[in-house]
Protein backbone atom coordinates (compact mmCIF):
# COMPACT_ATOMS: atom_id res chain seq x y z
CA UNK A 1 113.55 93.00 78.26
CA UNK A 2 115.60 89.82 78.59
CA UNK A 3 114.49 89.35 82.21
CA UNK A 4 110.87 90.15 81.37
CA UNK A 5 110.79 87.55 78.61
CA UNK A 6 112.63 84.93 80.68
CA UNK A 7 110.07 85.27 83.50
CA UNK A 8 107.05 85.28 81.23
CA UNK A 9 106.13 88.88 82.05
CA UNK A 10 103.84 90.05 84.80
CA UNK A 11 101.79 87.55 86.77
CA UNK A 12 98.00 87.75 86.43
CA UNK A 13 97.78 86.63 90.07
CA UNK A 14 98.72 90.15 91.20
CA UNK A 15 96.36 92.38 89.24
CA UNK A 16 95.42 94.46 92.29
CA UNK A 17 98.95 95.25 93.43
CA UNK A 18 102.18 93.51 94.23
CA UNK A 19 102.99 92.66 90.63
CA UNK A 20 106.27 94.52 90.84
CA UNK A 21 107.25 92.72 94.04
CA UNK A 22 106.23 89.35 92.58
CA UNK A 23 108.32 90.09 89.49
CA UNK A 24 111.34 90.99 91.65
CA UNK A 25 111.07 87.82 93.71
CA UNK A 26 110.77 85.65 90.60
CA UNK A 27 113.76 87.40 89.01
CA UNK A 28 115.92 86.77 92.08
CA UNK A 29 114.83 83.15 92.29
CA UNK A 30 115.83 82.68 88.65
CA UNK A 31 119.28 84.09 89.41
CA UNK A 32 118.93 87.62 88.07
CA UNK A 33 120.36 90.38 90.22
CA UNK A 34 118.23 93.26 91.41
CA UNK A 35 119.62 96.79 91.29
CA UNK A 36 118.65 100.40 91.61
CA UNK A 37 118.20 102.44 88.44
CA UNK A 38 119.15 106.01 89.31
CA UNK A 39 117.72 107.32 86.04
CA UNK A 40 114.48 105.33 86.22
CA UNK A 41 111.25 107.32 86.22
CA UNK A 42 107.95 106.12 87.61
CA UNK A 43 104.70 107.98 87.09
CA UNK A 44 102.33 107.42 89.96
CA UNK A 45 98.76 108.68 90.18
CA UNK A 46 97.49 109.35 93.70
CA UNK A 47 93.83 108.66 94.37
CA UNK A 48 91.65 111.72 94.65
CA UNK A 49 89.11 110.72 97.29
CA UNK A 50 89.29 108.88 100.60
CA UNK A 51 87.21 105.91 99.48
CA UNK A 52 89.56 105.33 96.55
CA UNK A 53 92.59 105.62 98.84
CA UNK A 54 91.05 103.07 101.19
CA UNK A 55 90.28 100.62 98.37
CA UNK A 56 93.77 100.97 96.93
CA UNK A 57 95.59 100.29 100.18
CA UNK A 58 93.17 97.51 101.16
CA UNK A 59 93.92 95.72 97.86
CA UNK A 60 97.66 96.24 98.30
CA UNK A 61 97.50 94.72 101.78
CA UNK A 62 95.49 91.72 100.57
CA UNK A 63 98.17 91.15 97.93
CA UNK A 64 100.96 91.43 100.54
CA UNK A 65 99.52 88.36 102.28
CA UNK A 66 99.45 86.54 98.94
CA UNK A 67 103.07 87.55 98.28
CA UNK A 68 104.02 86.19 101.69
CA UNK A 69 102.25 82.92 100.92
CA UNK A 70 104.04 82.61 97.59
CA UNK A 71 107.52 83.69 98.71
CA UNK A 72 107.91 82.87 102.39
CA UNK A 73 109.94 79.77 101.49
CA UNK A 74 112.36 82.05 99.64
CA UNK A 75 112.77 84.37 102.62
CA UNK A 76 109.95 86.90 102.53
CA UNK A 77 109.16 87.91 106.07
CA UNK A 78 105.90 88.96 107.61
CA UNK A 79 105.39 91.76 110.11
CA UNK A 80 106.44 90.91 113.66
CA UNK A 81 103.75 90.56 116.33
CA UNK A 82 105.03 93.79 117.88
CA UNK A 83 104.66 95.65 114.57
CA UNK A 84 101.13 94.28 114.15
CA UNK A 85 100.11 95.26 117.68
CA UNK A 86 101.57 98.75 117.30
CA UNK A 87 99.70 99.18 114.01
CA UNK A 88 96.34 98.38 115.61
CA UNK A 89 97.16 100.51 118.64
CA UNK A 90 98.03 103.42 116.35
CA UNK A 91 94.55 103.22 114.79
CA UNK A 92 92.86 103.36 118.18
CA UNK A 93 95.04 106.20 119.46
CA UNK A 94 94.49 108.22 116.30
CA UNK A 95 90.72 107.82 116.02
CA UNK A 96 90.30 111.58 116.66
CA UNK A 97 92.20 112.16 113.39
CA UNK A 98 89.02 111.17 111.58
CA UNK A 99 87.60 114.53 112.63
CA UNK A 100 90.81 116.43 111.84
CA UNK A 101 92.31 117.70 108.63
CA UNK A 102 91.82 115.90 105.34
CA UNK A 103 95.48 114.85 105.35
CA UNK A 104 95.26 113.32 108.83
CA UNK A 105 92.01 111.58 107.93
CA UNK A 106 93.60 110.18 104.75
CA UNK A 107 96.53 108.77 106.74
CA UNK A 108 94.12 107.09 109.17
CA UNK A 109 92.04 105.64 106.31
CA UNK A 110 95.18 104.31 104.58
CA UNK A 111 96.49 102.66 107.74
CA UNK A 112 93.10 101.17 108.61
CA UNK A 113 92.70 99.83 105.08
CA UNK A 114 96.12 98.17 105.37
CA UNK A 115 95.28 96.55 108.72
CA UNK A 116 91.95 95.17 107.48
CA UNK A 117 93.45 94.17 104.14
CA UNK A 118 96.08 92.10 105.94
CA UNK A 119 93.32 90.31 107.86
CA UNK A 120 91.32 89.65 104.68
CA UNK A 121 94.46 88.61 102.79
CA UNK A 122 95.44 86.22 105.58
CA UNK A 123 92.06 84.55 105.37
CA UNK A 124 92.04 84.48 101.56
CA UNK A 125 95.61 83.17 101.23
CA UNK A 126 95.38 80.92 104.30
CA UNK A 127 98.48 82.42 105.94
CA UNK A 128 99.06 84.51 109.02
CA UNK A 129 100.01 87.93 107.69
CA UNK A 130 98.43 90.48 109.98
């Protein structure tokens, strides 16, 4: 609670994802140490349909570009060109997955949403985070 109050709580700038990462960066910058809580419990609700999965991961990816913009001076790194190229290549190579099982289709949708979200986030945040 002490850290939460000292940082002014969650940032409204990250309403669509990344608020936990933003909070962690701000805590470190203010000199708080980050640790792992072995007894911590997080309840996470998975999206039920592919469109919702796509929207969720697209928004997360847009926010990742914003996080990079806000914290690159403190050491946040962006994906390497090789990682970016391999991500796009994976989408092309796995296009047939769209006609496969629901699980394989969901993975493709998630990865595509991330790729396109990084492009949109780069444009929106005026940084190169592909």
